[in-house]
Protein backbone atom coordinates (compact mmCIF):
# COMPACT_ATOMS: atom_id res chain seq x y z
CA MET A 1 -119.25 -4.98 -58.01
CA LEU A 2 -115.76 -4.00 -57.29
CA LEU A 3 -115.64 -0.36 -58.18
CA ASP A 4 -118.61 0.09 -56.13
CA ARG A 5 -117.01 -1.20 -53.07
CA LEU A 6 -113.77 1.06 -53.96
CA GLU A 7 -116.58 4.03 -54.09
CA GLU A 8 -118.19 3.22 -50.91
CA LEU A 9 -114.50 2.89 -48.89
CA LEU A 10 -113.34 6.28 -50.25
CA ALA A 11 -116.67 7.76 -48.67
CA ARG A 12 -115.64 6.08 -45.51
CA ILE A 13 -112.25 7.38 -45.31
CA GLU A 14 -113.51 10.98 -46.10
CA GLU A 15 -115.27 10.56 -42.75
CA LEU A 16 -112.11 9.77 -41.03
CA PRO A 17 -110.39 12.23 -38.69
CA GLN A 18 -108.59 14.74 -41.22
CA GLU A 19 -105.06 13.66 -40.12
CA THR A 20 -105.94 10.19 -40.77
CA SER A 21 -107.57 10.61 -44.16
CA ALA A 22 -105.17 12.97 -45.03
CA LEU A 23 -102.50 10.26 -44.76
CA VAL A 24 -104.87 7.37 -47.06
CA PHE A 25 -105.23 9.42 -49.83
CA GLU A 26 -101.37 10.72 -49.64
CA LEU A 27 -100.77 6.92 -50.18
CA LEU A 28 -103.70 6.26 -52.56
CA ASP A 29 -102.42 9.10 -54.59
CA GLY A 30 -98.58 8.26 -54.70
CA LEU A 31 -99.82 4.51 -55.79
CA ASP A 32 -101.79 6.37 -58.67
CA VAL A 33 -98.48 8.32 -59.80
CA LEU A 34 -96.60 5.21 -59.70
CA HIS A 35 -99.31 2.87 -61.43
CA ARG A 36 -99.62 5.46 -64.25
CA SER A 37 -96.07 5.97 -64.71
CA ALA A 38 -95.12 2.50 -64.87
CA LEU A 39 -97.98 1.53 -67.20
CA THR A 40 -97.40 4.61 -69.53
CA ARG A 41 -93.79 3.52 -69.68
CA PHE A 42 -94.60 -0.24 -70.02
CA VAL A 43 -97.15 0.42 -73.07
CA ALA A 44 -94.83 2.76 -75.14
CA ALA A 45 -92.37 -0.16 -74.78
CA VAL A 46 -94.61 -2.87 -75.94
CA ASP A 47 -95.66 -3.88 -79.41
CA ASP A 48 -98.96 -2.60 -80.40
CA SER A 49 -100.22 -5.82 -80.96
CA ALA A 50 -99.44 -6.95 -77.56
CA VAL A 51 -101.28 -3.75 -76.09
CA ASP A 52 -104.08 -5.15 -78.36
CA ALA A 53 -104.09 -8.79 -77.13
CA ALA A 54 -104.28 -7.43 -74.08
CA ARG A 55 -107.04 -5.03 -74.38
CA ALA A 56 -108.98 -8.10 -74.92
CA ASP A 57 -109.13 -8.77 -71.28
CA PRO A 58 -112.07 -6.51 -70.12
CA ALA A 59 -109.95 -5.58 -66.94
CA VAL A 60 -106.82 -4.56 -68.64
CA ALA A 61 -109.23 -2.31 -70.82
CA TRP A 62 -110.66 -0.51 -67.94
CA LEU A 63 -106.95 -0.30 -66.63
CA LEU A 64 -105.62 1.35 -69.77
CA ASP A 65 -108.74 3.27 -70.36
CA ALA A 66 -108.58 4.64 -66.78
CA TYR A 67 -105.05 6.12 -67.26
CA GLY A 68 -105.53 7.28 -70.61
CA LEU A 69 -103.73 4.88 -72.32
CA GLY A 70 -106.35 4.06 -75.19
CA ASP A 71 -105.47 3.11 -79.09
CA GLN A 72 -101.44 3.86 -78.68
CA ARG A 73 -101.66 4.29 -82.54
CA SER A 74 -102.80 7.92 -81.84
CA GLU A 75 -102.20 10.21 -79.38
CA PRO A 76 -103.21 8.97 -75.94
CA THR A 77 -106.25 11.13 -74.22
CA ALA A 78 -106.66 11.73 -70.51
CA THR A 79 -109.61 9.98 -69.10
CA PRO A 80 -111.45 12.29 -66.52
CA VAL A 81 -111.81 10.32 -63.22
CA GLU A 82 -112.90 11.96 -60.19
CA LEU A 83 -110.61 11.34 -57.30
CA GLY A 84 -111.59 13.74 -55.31
CA ARG A 85 -109.69 16.54 -53.31
CA THR A 86 -105.87 17.09 -54.69
CA ARG A 87 -103.72 15.97 -51.66
CA ILE A 88 -100.32 15.56 -52.86
CA THR A 89 -98.45 18.81 -52.20
CA THR A 90 -94.68 19.58 -53.03
């Protein structure tokens, strides 16, 4: 399964030299922020019926749930996702 493979790859990245793994995790964190922001804005912009129709696809439903974008007629809730250490610093 893809999720299992991704977890395996994350574990292997953590075994890389710290400087290398920090760069990879910074990249992944940045992509996560970009995707979360874009998907949140997209879901807010489309009709609820379009979101409901898209949720029929298991991959789309998983993604919406992963970003806490469940039923948009109610208050969105955060879905806890273990991503490892926080790596982005400002």
